[in-house]
Amino acid sequence: MLDISALSQLLNQPRKIVITTHHKPDGDAMGSSLGLYNYLIQQGHHAKVVSPTDYPEFLWWMPGNEEVIIYTEQKEQAAQLVAEAELIFCLDFNTLTRINELGELVRQSSAVKVMIDHHLEPEDFDDYRYWNINACATAQLVYSFITDELKRPDLINVDVATCLYTGIMTDSGSFRFPNTTAAVHRIVASLIEAGAVNWRIHELVYSSSSENRLRFLGHCLTNKLEVLAEYNTAIISVTHQDLQKFNIITGDTEGIVNYALSITGIRLAAFIVERPDRVKLSLRSKGEFPANEICKKYFSGGGHRNAAGGHSEESLQQVIEKIKHILPEYKTLLVQ
């Protein structure tokens, strides 16, 4: 593995750099990517963020968003950027399958590959790894990478701070998850001091729902929520027809699983959605319940202990039944 002194030396002169993140990027994925982008361009690097897919509109306001290349929409340009890159930063993912078709292009690239991530079980495709599973967000790690490893806290300007604040805020559940430590709050305080307007960022991310999304949320809670009280579990499942009825777009389903988890006594929540090509699910849990274990073992996925995801080629109803069939195996953890 490359050491930090060698990486710092590489970054001492302008380089062609690609920053990429996982498909269907969330707030941490785009916040960390654009935060790093806004840091790098201050030093004259030719940097571009390449997203494997589109991402929610409520993230489009972030500084540098207008420069993002979306692979599924600009394949030739994205492929050329990856082929010409001297460094590729891989943020908020640790296996190349998470960036879909872009993964093979990154694998074949001769660029130095830098992984910055907080997920379990990283794949060995990188040359330098800044990795900590205890970090609440990849944006937290990007902050530490800039300030502690590269020794450039002076380059945390308002644009960098705004993006990194967004990433930490969203992946920490607005600072309510257990891994939101005192150190995280100190980082957040420094980002606010650097110019991040905390209340405005929260408003842009969480108070920008469309009428369709709110009506869809009401539909989910009224008609699609099933509570399995004997297992302290709640499931919300939606069909492809539901998505079409409410004209659901990328980002509209984000966070809905948390409403199920917010029910008193619930320790495990599942949001299961039927897409045209497969069924996808998001699991959230409380305490020591291993949501990631279920996703890895049964649904070709993974993630964090309390926040994980997966998918299945089976039908929506089969996935729902599989979840219910699995619950007795974990009853001791669910009803303690």
C-alpha atoms as a PDB file:
ATOM      1  CA  MET A   1       0.000   0.000   0.000  1.00  0.00           C
ATOM      2  CA  LEU A   2       1.094   3.548  -0.757  1.00  0.00           C
ATOM      3  CA  ASP A   3       2.007   5.556   2.351  1.00  0.00           C
ATOM      4  CA  ILE A   4       0.774   9.056   3.121  1.00  0.00           C
ATOM      5  CA  SER A   5       4.108  10.709   2.353  1.00  0.00           C
ATOM      6  CA  ALA A   6       4.130   9.218  -1.164  1.00  0.00           C
ATOM      7  CA  LEU A   7       0.491  10.212  -1.708  1.00  0.00           C
ATOM      8  CA  SER A   8       1.135  13.738  -0.432  1.00  0.00           C
ATOM      9  CA  GLN A   9       4.051  14.025  -2.836  1.00  0.00           C
ATOM     10  CA  LEU A  10       1.812  12.970  -5.723  1.00  0.00           C
ATOM     11  CA  LEU A  11      -0.646  15.674  -4.740  1.00  0.00           C
ATOM     12  CA  ASN A  12       2.028  18.363  -4.544  1.00  0.00           C
ATOM     13  CA  GLN A  13       1.566  19.199  -8.223  1.00  0.00           C
ATOM     14  CA  PRO A  14      -1.602  19.417 -10.366  1.00  0.00           C
ATOM     15  CA  ARG A  15      -2.936  16.009 -11.377  1.00  0.00           C
ATOM     16  CA  LYS A  16      -5.816  14.626 -13.401  1.00  0.00           C
ATOM     17  CA  ILE A  17      -8.113  13.267 -10.697  1.00  0.00           C
ATOM     18  CA  VAL A  18     -11.425  11.426 -10.749  1.00  0.00           C
ATOM     19  CA  ILE A  19     -13.576  11.187  -7.631  1.00  0.00           C
ATOM     20  CA  THR A  20     -16.298   8.553  -7.676  1.00  0.00           C
ATOM     21  CA  THR A  21     -18.806   7.115  -5.240  1.00  0.00           C
ATOM     22  CA  HIS A  22     -21.440   4.408  -5.040  1.00  0.00           C
ATOM     23  CA  HIS A  23     -24.489   4.134  -7.311  1.00  0.00           C
ATOM     24  CA  LYS A  24     -27.577   6.135  -6.347  1.00  0.00           C
ATOM     25  CA  PRO A  25     -25.443   8.387  -4.135  1.00  0.00           C
ATOM     26  CA  ASP A  26     -26.855   9.701  -0.878  1.00  0.00           C
ATOM     27  CA  GLY A  27     -25.928  12.786   1.130  1.00  0.00           C
ATOM     28  CA  ASP A  28     -22.686  11.341   2.464  1.00  0.00           C
ATOM     29  CA  ALA A  29     -21.600  10.026  -0.934  1.00  0.00           C
ATOM     30  CA  MET A  30     -22.103  13.369  -2.675  1.00  0.00           C
ATOM     31  CA  GLY A  31     -21.103  15.479   0.327  1.00  0.00           C
ATOM     32  CA  SER A  32     -17.774  13.700   0.729  1.00  0.00           C
ATOM     33  CA  SER A  33     -17.137  13.657  -3.035  1.00  0.00           C
ATOM     34  CA  LEU A  34     -17.902  17.337  -3.582  1.00  0.00           C
ATOM     35  CA  GLY A  35     -16.099  18.259  -0.368  1.00  0.00           C
ATOM     36  CA  LEU A  36     -12.941  16.576  -1.660  1.00  0.00           C
ATOM     37  CA  TYR A  37     -13.485  18.111  -5.121  1.00  0.00           C
ATOM     38  CA  ASN A  38     -13.682  21.626  -3.696  1.00  0.00           C
ATOM     39  CA  TYR A  39     -10.507  20.964  -1.726  1.00  0.00           C
ATOM     40  CA  LEU A  40      -8.552  19.652  -4.713  1.00  0.00           C
ATOM     41  CA  ILE A  41      -9.440  22.436  -7.153  1.00  0.00           C
ATOM     42  CA  GLN A  42      -7.946  24.990  -4.764  1.00  0.00           C
ATOM     43  CA  GLN A  43      -4.571  23.384  -5.446  1.00  0.00           C
ATOM     44  CA  GLY A  44      -4.958  23.494  -9.213  1.00  0.00           C
ATOM     45  CA  HIS A  45      -5.822  19.822  -9.720  1.00  0.00           C
ATOM     46  CA  HIS A  46      -7.964  18.894 -12.722  1.00  0.00           C
ATOM     47  CA  ALA A  47     -10.618  17.093 -10.681  1.00  0.00           C
ATOM     48  CA  LYS A  48     -14.000  15.713 -11.683  1.00  0.00           C
ATOM     49  CA  VAL A  49     -16.675  13.888  -9.714  1.00  0.00           C
ATOM     50  CA  VAL A  50     -18.082  10.951 -11.697  1.00  0.00           C
ATOM     51  CA  SER A  51     -21.261   9.438 -10.254  1.00  0.00           C
ATOM     52  CA  PRO A  52     -22.279   5.979 -11.515  1.00  0.00           C
ATOM     53  CA  THR A  53     -25.948   7.046 -11.620  1.00  0.00           C
ATOM     54  CA  ASP A  54     -28.245   9.976 -10.954  1.00  0.00           C
ATOM     55  CA  TYR A  55     -28.950  11.130  -7.404  1.00  0.00           C
ATOM     56  CA  PRO A  56     -31.654  13.065  -5.503  1.00  0.00           C
ATOM     57  CA  GLU A  57     -32.535  16.605  -6.494  1.00  0.00           C
ATOM     58  CA  PHE A  58     -32.291  17.721  -2.869  1.00  0.00           C
ATOM     59  CA  LEU A  59     -28.498  17.379  -3.225  1.00  0.00           C
ATOM     60  CA  TRP A  60     -28.125  19.409  -6.418  1.00  0.00           C
ATOM     61  CA  TRP A  61     -27.543  22.708  -4.602  1.00  0.00           C
ATOM     62  CA  MET A  62     -24.134  21.728  -3.210  1.00  0.00           C
ATOM     63  CA  PRO A  63     -21.093  23.708  -4.411  1.00  0.00           C
ATOM     64  CA  GLY A  64     -19.563  22.031  -7.458  1.00  0.00           C
ATOM     65  CA  ASN A  65     -22.661  19.993  -8.327  1.00  0.00           C
ATOM     66  CA  GLU A  66     -22.855  21.581 -11.793  1.00  0.00           C
ATOM     67  CA  GLU A  67     -19.514  19.933 -12.643  1.00  0.00           C
ATOM     68  CA  VAL A  68     -20.578  16.367 -11.759  1.00  0.00           C
ATOM     69  CA  ILE A  69     -20.498  13.817 -14.581  1.00  0.00           C
ATOM     70  CA  ILE A  70     -23.185  11.110 -14.431  1.00  0.00           C
ATOM     71  CA  TYR A  71     -21.856   7.919 -15.983  1.00  0.00           C
ATOM     72  CA  THR A  72     -25.204   6.556 -17.199  1.00  0.00           C
ATOM     73  CA  GLU A  73     -25.841   9.815 -19.063  1.00  0.00           C
ATOM     74  CA  GLN A  74     -22.302  10.675 -20.211  1.00  0.00           C
ATOM     75  CA  LYS A  75     -20.580   7.331 -20.673  1.00  0.00           C
ATOM     76  CA  GLU A  76     -17.943   8.374 -23.208  1.00  0.00           C
ATOM     77  CA  GLN A  77     -16.834  11.420 -21.254  1.00  0.00           C
ATOM     78  CA  ALA A  78     -16.773   9.478 -17.983  1.00  0.00           C
ATOM     79  CA  ALA A  79     -14.780   6.629 -19.515  1.00  0.00           C
ATOM     80  CA  GLN A  80     -12.264   9.080 -20.962  1.00  0.00           C
ATOM     81  CA  LEU A  81     -11.838  10.823 -17.600  1.00  0.00           C
ATOM     82  CA  VAL A  82     -11.180   7.494 -15.870  1.00  0.00           C
ATOM     83  CA  ALA A  83      -8.757   6.365 -18.592  1.00  0.00           C
ATOM     84  CA  GLU A  84      -6.760   9.607 -18.364  1.00  0.00           C
ATOM     85  CA  ALA A  85      -6.812   9.914 -14.562  1.00  0.00           C
ATOM     86  CA  GLU A  86      -3.590   9.865 -12.574  1.00  0.00           C
ATOM     87  CA  LEU A  87      -5.460   9.384  -9.295  1.00  0.00           C
ATOM     88  CA  ILE A  88      -8.925   7.988  -8.596  1.00  0.00           C
ATOM     89  CA  PHE A  89     -10.524   8.656  -5.229  1.00  0.00           C
ATOM     90  CA  CYS A  90     -13.147   6.033  -4.304  1.00  0.00           C
ATOM     91  CA  LEU A  91     -15.425   7.441  -1.619  1.00  0.00           C
ATOM     92  CA  ASP A  92     -18.116   5.810   0.526  1.00  0.00           C
ATOM     93  CA  PHE A  93     -17.750   2.336  -1.018  1.00  0.00           C
ATOM     94  CA  ASN A  94     -15.189  -0.420  -0.712  1.00  0.00           C
ATOM     95  CA  THR A  95     -15.967  -2.890  -3.487  1.00  0.00           C
ATOM     96  CA  LEU A  96     -16.067  -2.051  -7.181  1.00  0.00           C
ATOM     97  CA  THR A  97     -19.414  -3.774  -7.703  1.00  0.00           C
ATOM     98  CA  ARG A  98     -20.934  -0.773  -5.898  1.00  0.00           C
ATOM     99  CA  ILE A  99     -20.200   1.480  -8.870  1.00  0.00           C
ATOM    100  CA  ASN A 100     -21.765  -0.828 -11.476  1.00  0.00           C
ATOM    101  CA  GLU A 101     -20.231  -0.670 -14.994  1.00  0.00           C
ATOM    102  CA  LEU A 102     -17.848   2.031 -13.839  1.00  0.00           C
ATOM    103  CA  GLY A 103     -16.182  -0.529 -11.584  1.00  0.00           C
ATOM    104  CA  GLU A 104     -14.422  -2.389 -14.379  1.00  0.00           C
ATOM    105  CA  LEU A 105     -13.131   0.869 -15.865  1.00  0.00           C
ATOM    106  CA  VAL A 106     -11.681   1.815 -12.478  1.00  0.00           C
ATOM    107  CA  ARG A 107     -10.194  -1.654 -12.022  1.00  0.00           C
ATOM    108  CA  GLN A 108      -8.435  -1.478 -15.398  1.00  0.00           C
ATOM    109  CA  SER A 109      -7.161   2.051 -14.872  1.00  0.00           C
ATOM    110  CA  SER A 110      -3.458   2.567 -14.224  1.00  0.00           C
ATOM    111  CA  ALA A 111      -4.260   5.474 -11.891  1.00  0.00           C
ATOM    112  CA  VAL A 112      -3.342   5.421  -8.218  1.00  0.00           C
ATOM    113  CA  LYS A 113      -6.535   4.402  -6.423  1.00  0.00           C
ATOM    114  CA  VAL A 114      -7.363   5.927  -3.045  1.00  0.00           C
ATOM    115  CA  MET A 115     -10.196   4.495  -0.936  1.00  0.00           C
ATOM    116  CA  ILE A 116     -11.792   6.630   1.773  1.00  0.00           C
ATOM    117  CA  ASP A 117     -14.605   4.688   3.428  1.00  0.00           C
ATOM    118  CA  HIS A 118     -16.270   3.408   6.590  1.00  0.00           C
ATOM    119  CA  HIS A 119     -17.915   0.151   5.471  1.00  0.00           C
ATOM    120  CA  LEU A 120     -16.980  -3.380   6.491  1.00  0.00           C
ATOM    121  CA  GLU A 121     -14.868  -5.842   4.478  1.00  0.00           C
ATOM    122  CA  PRO A 122     -13.101  -3.732   1.839  1.00  0.00           C
ATOM    123  CA  GLU A 123     -12.027  -5.267  -1.454  1.00  0.00           C
ATOM    124  CA  ASP A 124      -8.309  -5.042  -2.257  1.00  0.00           C
ATOM    125  CA  PHE A 125      -8.395  -2.849  -5.355  1.00  0.00           C
ATOM    126  CA  ASP A 126      -6.846   0.279  -3.817  1.00  0.00           C
ATOM    127  CA  ASP A 127      -3.283   1.595  -3.506  1.00  0.00           C
ATOM    128  CA  TYR A 128      -3.968   3.787  -0.478  1.00  0.00           C
ATOM    129  CA  ARG A 129      -6.689   3.270   2.106  1.00  0.00           C
ATOM    130  CA  TYR A 130      -8.071   5.722   4.645  1.00  0.00           C
ATOM    131  CA  TRP A 131     -10.630   3.511   6.308  1.00  0.00           C
ATOM    132  CA  ASN A 132     -12.397   3.465   9.664  1.00  0.00           C
ATOM    133  CA  ILE A 133     -15.622   1.549  10.323  1.00  0.00           C
ATOM    134  CA  ASN A 134     -16.235   3.609  13.465  1.00  0.00           C
ATOM    135  CA  ALA A 135     -16.557   6.858  11.528  1.00  0.00           C
ATOM    136  CA  CYS A 136     -20.127   8.118  11.306  1.00  0.00           C
ATOM    137  CA  ALA A 137     -19.668   9.221   7.688  1.00  0.00           C
ATOM    138  CA  THR A 138     -17.172   9.179   4.864  1.00  0.00           C
ATOM    139  CA  ALA A 139     -17.378  12.973   4.969  1.00  0.00           C
ATOM    140  CA  GLN A 140     -15.919  12.787   8.482  1.00  0.00           C
ATOM    141  CA  LEU A 141     -13.004  10.779   7.099  1.00  0.00           C
ATOM    142  CA  VAL A 142     -12.468  13.235   4.224  1.00  0.00           C
ATOM    143  CA  TYR A 143     -12.242  16.026   6.798  1.00  0.00           C
ATOM    144  CA  SER A 144      -9.667  14.072   8.823  1.00  0.00           C
ATOM    145  CA  PHE A 145      -7.813  13.088   5.652  1.00  0.00           C
ATOM    146  CA  ILE A 146      -7.422  16.750   4.686  1.00  0.00           C
ATOM    147  CA  THR A 147      -6.627  18.090   8.142  1.00  0.00           C
ATOM    148  CA  ASP A 148      -4.682  15.243   9.788  1.00  0.00           C
ATOM    149  CA  GLU A 149      -3.088  13.347   6.891  1.00  0.00           C
ATOM    150  CA  LEU A 150      -2.493  16.065   4.295  1.00  0.00           C
ATOM    151  CA  LYS A 151      -2.051  18.768   6.970  1.00  0.00           C
ATOM    152  CA  ARG A 152      -4.138  21.352   5.098  1.00  0.00           C
ATOM    153  CA  PRO A 153      -6.875  22.551   7.471  1.00  0.00           C
ATOM    154  CA  ASP A 154      -6.376  25.997   5.929  1.00  0.00           C
ATOM    155  CA  LEU A 155      -8.061  24.733   2.755  1.00  0.00           C
ATOM    156  CA  ILE A 156     -11.337  23.851   4.487  1.00  0.00           C
ATOM    157  CA  ASN A 157     -13.127  26.795   2.920  1.00  0.00           C
ATOM    158  CA  VAL A 158     -16.867  27.498   2.912  1.00  0.00           C
ATOM    159  CA  ASP A 159     -17.532  25.207  -0.077  1.00  0.00           C
ATOM    160  CA  VAL A 160     -15.601  22.282   1.399  1.00  0.00           C
ATOM    161  CA  ALA A 161     -17.213  22.840   4.791  1.00  0.00           C
ATOM    162  CA  THR A 162     -20.725  23.016   3.343  1.00  0.00           C
ATOM    163  CA  CYS A 163     -20.358  19.715   1.482  1.00  0.00           C
ATOM    164  CA  LEU A 164     -18.700  17.853   4.360  1.00  0.00           C
ATOM    165  CA  TYR A 165     -21.314  19.135   6.814  1.00  0.00           C
ATOM    166  CA  THR A 166     -24.030  17.764   4.514  1.00  0.00           C
ATOM    167  CA  GLY A 167     -22.372  14.346   4.426  1.00  0.00           C
ATOM    168  CA  ILE A 168     -21.919  14.119   8.188  1.00  0.00           C
ATOM    169  CA  MET A 169     -25.411  15.440   8.920  1.00  0.00           C
ATOM    170  CA  THR A 170     -27.172  12.958   6.634  1.00  0.00           C
ATOM    171  CA  ASP A 171     -25.176   9.834   7.495  1.00  0.00           C
ATOM    172  CA  SER A 172     -25.374  10.488  11.233  1.00  0.00           C
ATOM    173  CA  GLY A 173     -29.164  10.795  11.072  1.00  0.00           C
ATOM    174  CA  SER A 174     -28.902  14.500  11.916  1.00  0.00           C
ATOM    175  CA  PHE A 175     -26.396  13.667  14.662  1.00  0.00           C
ATOM    176  CA  ARG A 176     -28.586  11.178  16.480  1.00  0.00           C
ATOM    177  CA  PHE A 177     -26.862   7.840  15.764  1.00  0.00           C
ATOM    178  CA  PRO A 178     -24.545   6.265  18.385  1.00  0.00           C
ATOM    179  CA  ASN A 179     -21.396   6.910  16.333  1.00  0.00           C
ATOM    180  CA  THR A 180     -21.971  10.670  16.560  1.00  0.00           C
ATOM    181  CA  THR A 181     -19.168  11.135  19.074  1.00  0.00           C
ATOM    182  CA  ALA A 182     -17.786  14.218  20.766  1.00  0.00           C
ATOM    183  CA  ALA A 183     -15.074  14.224  18.084  1.00  0.00           C
ATOM    184  CA  VAL A 184     -17.772  14.405  15.386  1.00  0.00           C
ATOM    185  CA  HIS A 185     -19.346  17.422  17.087  1.00  0.00           C
ATOM    186  CA  ARG A 186     -15.962  19.122  17.245  1.00  0.00           C
ATOM    187  CA  ILE A 187     -15.531  18.548  13.503  1.00  0.00           C
ATOM    188  CA  VAL A 188     -19.029  19.896  12.849  1.00  0.00           C
ATOM    189  CA  ALA A 189     -18.260  22.978  14.965  1.00  0.00           C
ATOM    190  CA  SER A 190     -15.140  23.657  12.905  1.00  0.00           C
ATOM    191  CA  LEU A 191     -17.152  23.287   9.678  1.00  0.00           C
ATOM    192  CA  ILE A 192     -19.658  25.860  10.923  1.00  0.00           C
ATOM    193  CA  GLU A 193     -16.768  28.155  11.839  1.00  0.00           C
ATOM    194  CA  ALA A 194     -15.476  27.694   8.274  1.00  0.00           C
ATOM    195  CA  GLY A 195     -18.781  28.941   6.870  1.00  0.00           C
ATOM    196  CA  ALA A 196     -21.200  26.002   6.705  1.00  0.00           C
ATOM    197  CA  VAL A 197     -24.660  27.393   7.494  1.00  0.00           C
ATOM    198  CA  ASN A 198     -26.078  24.486   9.475  1.00  0.00           C
ATOM    199  CA  TRP A 199     -29.754  25.490   9.554  1.00  0.00           C
ATOM    200  CA  ARG A 200     -29.808  26.288   5.847  1.00  0.00           C
ATOM    201  CA  ILE A 201     -28.205  22.963   4.903  1.00  0.00           C
ATOM    202  CA  HIS A 202     -30.772  21.093   6.990  1.00  0.00           C
ATOM    203  CA  GLU A 203     -33.575  23.026   5.315  1.00  0.00           C
ATOM    204  CA  LEU A 204     -32.277  22.327   1.791  1.00  0.00           C
ATOM    205  CA  VAL A 205     -31.955  18.596   2.440  1.00  0.00           C
ATOM    206  CA  TYR A 206     -34.968  17.861   4.616  1.00  0.00           C
ATOM    207  CA  SER A 207     -37.501  20.564   3.749  1.00  0.00           C
ATOM    208  CA  SER A 208     -37.614  20.241  -0.021  1.00  0.00           C
ATOM    209  CA  SER A 209     -40.104  17.422  -0.597  1.00  0.00           C
ATOM    210  CA  SER A 210     -42.381  17.461  -3.594  1.00  0.00           C
ATOM    211  CA  GLU A 211     -46.140  17.132  -3.158  1.00  0.00           C
ATOM    212  CA  ASN A 212     -45.889  13.686  -4.804  1.00  0.00           C
ATOM    213  CA  ARG A 213     -43.347  12.496  -2.254  1.00  0.00           C
ATOM    214  CA  LEU A 214     -45.480  13.606   0.694  1.00  0.00           C
ATOM    215  CA  ARG A 215     -48.571  11.914  -0.730  1.00  0.00           C
ATOM    216  CA  PHE A 216     -46.497   8.776  -1.377  1.00  0.00           C
ATOM    217  CA  LEU A 217     -45.240   8.840   2.220  1.00  0.00           C
ATOM    218  CA  GLY A 218     -48.832   9.068   3.455  1.00  0.00           C
ATOM    219  CA  HIS A 219     -49.753   6.126   1.237  1.00  0.00           C
ATOM    220  CA  CYS A 220     -46.863   4.071   2.634  1.00  0.00           C
ATOM    221  CA  LEU A 221     -47.764   4.743   6.257  1.00  0.00           C
ATOM    222  CA  THR A 222     -51.504   4.313   5.794  1.00  0.00           C
ATOM    223  CA  ASN A 223     -51.682   1.389   3.394  1.00  0.00           C
ATOM    224  CA  LYS A 224     -48.280  -0.288   3.208  1.00  0.00           C
ATOM    225  CA  LEU A 225     -47.079  -0.500   6.802  1.00  0.00           C
ATOM    226  CA  GLU A 226     -47.213  -3.886   8.538  1.00  0.00           C
ATOM    227  CA  VAL A 227     -46.239  -4.203  12.193  1.00  0.00           C
ATOM    228  CA  LEU A 228     -45.148  -7.611  13.484  1.00  0.00           C
ATOM    229  CA  ALA A 229     -45.429  -6.879  17.185  1.00  0.00           C
ATOM    230  CA  GLU A 230     -44.279 -10.345  18.273  1.00  0.00           C
ATOM    231  CA  TYR A 231     -40.897  -9.633  16.659  1.00  0.00           C
ATOM    232  CA  ASN A 232     -40.727  -5.864  17.267  1.00  0.00           C
ATOM    233  CA  THR A 233     -40.447  -5.475  13.510  1.00  0.00           C
ATOM    234  CA  ALA A 234     -42.152  -3.176  11.008  1.00  0.00           C
ATOM    235  CA  ILE A 235     -42.223  -3.623   7.231  1.00  0.00           C
ATOM    236  CA  ILE A 236     -43.174  -1.148   4.517  1.00  0.00           C
ATOM    237  CA  SER A 237     -43.443  -2.698   1.057  1.00  0.00           C
ATOM    238  CA  VAL A 238     -44.318  -0.899  -2.182  1.00  0.00           C
ATOM    239  CA  THR A 239     -44.950  -2.144  -5.700  1.00  0.00           C
ATOM    240  CA  HIS A 240     -43.672  -0.751  -8.966  1.00  0.00           C
ATOM    241  CA  GLN A 241     -47.244   0.382  -9.607  1.00  0.00           C
ATOM    242  CA  ASP A 242     -47.144   2.426  -6.384  1.00  0.00           C
ATOM    243  CA  LEU A 243     -44.020   4.192  -7.622  1.00  0.00           C
ATOM    244  CA  GLN A 244     -45.618   4.967 -10.950  1.00  0.00           C
ATOM    245  CA  LYS A 245     -48.877   6.167  -9.399  1.00  0.00           C
ATOM    246  CA  PHE A 246     -47.074   8.840  -7.383  1.00  0.00           C
ATOM    247  CA  ASN A 247     -44.458   9.646 -10.060  1.00  0.00           C
ATOM    248  CA  ILE A 248     -41.648   8.707  -7.706  1.00  0.00           C
ATOM    249  CA  ILE A 249     -38.171   9.887  -8.740  1.00  0.00           C
ATOM    250  CA  THR A 250     -34.676   9.240  -7.411  1.00  0.00           C
ATOM    251  CA  GLY A 251     -34.477  10.249  -3.756  1.00  0.00           C
ATOM    252  CA  ASP A 252     -38.212  10.168  -3.031  1.00  0.00           C
ATOM    253  CA  THR A 253     -38.004   6.874  -1.111  1.00  0.00           C
ATOM    254  CA  GLU A 254     -34.975   7.880   0.950  1.00  0.00           C
ATOM    255  CA  GLY A 255     -35.568   7.879   4.690  1.00  0.00           C
ATOM    256  CA  ILE A 256     -39.019   6.283   4.607  1.00  0.00           C
ATOM    257  CA  VAL A 257     -37.700   3.209   6.425  1.00  0.00           C
ATOM    258  CA  ASN A 258     -36.922   5.428   9.422  1.00  0.00           C
ATOM    259  CA  TYR A 259     -40.608   6.155   9.949  1.00  0.00           C
ATOM    260  CA  ALA A 260     -41.191   2.460  10.550  1.00  0.00           C
ATOM    261  CA  LEU A 261     -38.239   2.321  12.942  1.00  0.00           C
ATOM    262  CA  SER A 262     -39.616   5.292  14.895  1.00  0.00           C
ATOM    263  CA  ILE A 263     -42.590   3.271  16.192  1.00  0.00           C
ATOM    264  CA  THR A 264     -42.299   2.645  19.928  1.00  0.00           C
ATOM    265  CA  GLY A 265     -40.799  -0.769  20.625  1.00  0.00           C
ATOM    266  CA  ILE A 266     -39.692  -1.473  17.039  1.00  0.00           C
ATOM    267  CA  ARG A 267     -36.124  -2.774  16.800  1.00  0.00           C
ATOM    268  CA  LEU A 268     -36.016  -3.712  13.124  1.00  0.00           C
ATOM    269  CA  ALA A 269     -37.576  -1.911  10.160  1.00  0.00           C
ATOM    270  CA  ALA A 270     -37.588  -2.895   6.506  1.00  0.00           C
ATOM    271  CA  PHE A 271     -38.472  -0.856   3.437  1.00  0.00           C
ATOM    272  CA  ILE A 272     -38.953  -3.160   0.458  1.00  0.00           C
ATOM    273  CA  VAL A 273     -39.523  -1.752  -3.013  1.00  0.00           C
ATOM    274  CA  GLU A 274     -40.256  -3.469  -6.305  1.00  0.00           C
ATOM    275  CA  ARG A 275     -38.114  -2.054  -9.090  1.00  0.00           C
ATOM    276  CA  PRO A 276     -38.411  -3.073 -12.772  1.00  0.00           C
ATOM    277  CA  ASP A 277     -35.323  -5.301 -12.625  1.00  0.00           C
ATOM    278  CA  ARG A 278     -35.256  -6.508  -9.009  1.00  0.00           C
ATOM    279  CA  VAL A 279     -36.580  -6.023  -5.507  1.00  0.00           C
ATOM    280  CA  LYS A 280     -34.513  -3.758  -3.267  1.00  0.00           C
ATOM    281  CA  LEU A 281     -34.655  -3.476   0.469  1.00  0.00           C
ATOM    282  CA  SER A 282     -33.310  -1.197   3.176  1.00  0.00           C
ATOM    283  CA  LEU A 283     -33.042  -2.356   6.771  1.00  0.00           C
ATOM    284  CA  ARG A 284     -32.642  -0.188   9.856  1.00  0.00           C
ATOM    285  CA  SER A 285     -32.244  -1.448  13.394  1.00  0.00           C
ATOM    286  CA  LYS A 286     -31.632  -0.324  16.953  1.00  0.00           C
ATOM    287  CA  GLY A 287     -29.025  -1.426  19.451  1.00  0.00           C
ATOM    288  CA  GLU A 288     -27.030  -4.535  18.704  1.00  0.00           C
ATOM    289  CA  PHE A 289     -29.346  -5.981  16.081  1.00  0.00           C
ATOM    290  CA  PRO A 290     -27.244  -6.882  12.982  1.00  0.00           C
ATOM    291  CA  ALA A 291     -29.205  -5.546  10.013  1.00  0.00           C
ATOM    292  CA  ASN A 292     -26.086  -5.957   7.878  1.00  0.00           C
ATOM    293  CA  GLU A 293     -25.897  -9.672   8.670  1.00  0.00           C
ATOM    294  CA  ILE A 294     -29.386 -10.276   7.287  1.00  0.00           C
ATOM    295  CA  CYS A 295     -28.610  -8.308   4.128  1.00  0.00           C
ATOM    296  CA  LYS A 296     -25.332 -10.108   3.558  1.00  0.00           C
ATOM    297  CA  LYS A 297     -26.632 -13.590   4.347  1.00  0.00           C
ATOM    298  CA  TYR A 298     -29.951 -13.473   2.508  1.00  0.00           C
ATOM    299  CA  PHE A 299     -30.072 -10.507   0.126  1.00  0.00           C
ATOM    300  CA  SER A 300     -26.665 -10.131  -1.587  1.00  0.00           C
ATOM    301  CA  GLY A 301     -25.957  -6.919   0.299  1.00  0.00           C
ATOM    302  CA  GLY A 302     -24.423  -5.532   3.445  1.00  0.00           C
ATOM    303  CA  GLY A 303     -23.665  -2.268   5.180  1.00  0.00           C
ATOM    304  CA  HIS A 304     -23.486  -1.133   8.766  1.00  0.00           C
ATOM    305  CA  ARG A 305     -24.897  -2.941  11.780  1.00  0.00           C
ATOM    306  CA  ASN A 306     -27.872  -0.595  12.087  1.00  0.00           C
ATOM    307  CA  ALA A 307     -28.221   0.475   8.449  1.00  0.00           C
ATOM    308  CA  ALA A 308     -27.908  -1.953   5.566  1.00  0.00           C
ATOM    309  CA  GLY A 309     -29.323  -2.796   2.176  1.00  0.00           C
ATOM    310  CA  GLY A 310     -29.662  -5.587  -0.336  1.00  0.00           C
ATOM    311  CA  HIS A 311     -31.595  -6.875  -3.308  1.00  0.00           C
ATOM    312  CA  SER A 312     -33.267  -9.999  -4.641  1.00  0.00           C
ATOM    313  CA  GLU A 313     -34.340 -11.460  -7.963  1.00  0.00           C
ATOM    314  CA  GLU A 314     -37.398 -12.980  -6.265  1.00  0.00           C
ATOM    315  CA  SER A 315     -40.824 -11.344  -6.333  1.00  0.00           C
ATOM    316  CA  LEU A 316     -41.866  -8.678  -3.863  1.00  0.00           C
ATOM    317  CA  GLN A 317     -44.142 -11.099  -2.025  1.00  0.00           C
ATOM    318  CA  GLN A 318     -41.411 -13.736  -1.851  1.00  0.00           C
ATOM    319  CA  VAL A 319     -39.008 -11.219  -0.329  1.00  0.00           C
ATOM    320  CA  ILE A 320     -41.597 -10.190   2.261  1.00  0.00           C
ATOM    321  CA  GLU A 321     -42.199 -13.824   3.170  1.00  0.00           C
ATOM    322  CA  LYS A 322     -38.466 -14.485   3.388  1.00  0.00           C
ATOM    323  CA  ILE A 323     -38.057 -11.616   5.863  1.00  0.00           C
ATOM    324  CA  LYS A 324     -40.879 -13.027   7.977  1.00  0.00           C
ATOM    325  CA  HIS A 325     -39.350 -16.504   7.791  1.00  0.00           C
ATOM    326  CA  ILE A 326     -35.994 -15.152   8.982  1.00  0.00           C
ATOM    327  CA  LEU A 327     -37.360 -13.300  12.030  1.00  0.00           C
ATOM    328  CA  PRO A 328     -37.719 -16.323  14.355  1.00  0.00           C
ATOM    329  CA  GLU A 329     -33.985 -16.934  13.948  1.00  0.00           C
ATOM    330  CA  TYR A 330     -33.344 -13.518  15.492  1.00  0.00           C
ATOM    331  CA  LYS A 331     -36.197 -13.435  18.017  1.00  0.00           C
ATOM    332  CA  THR A 332     -33.901 -13.348  21.036  1.00  0.00           C
ATOM    333  CA  LEU A 333     -32.263 -10.155  19.794  1.00  0.00           C
ATOM    334  CA  LEU A 334     -35.543  -8.593  18.728  1.00  0.00           C
ATOM    335  CA  VAL A 335     -37.532  -9.067  21.906  1.00  0.00           C
ATOM    336  CA  GLN A 336     -34.859  -8.562  24.547  1.00  0.00           C
END
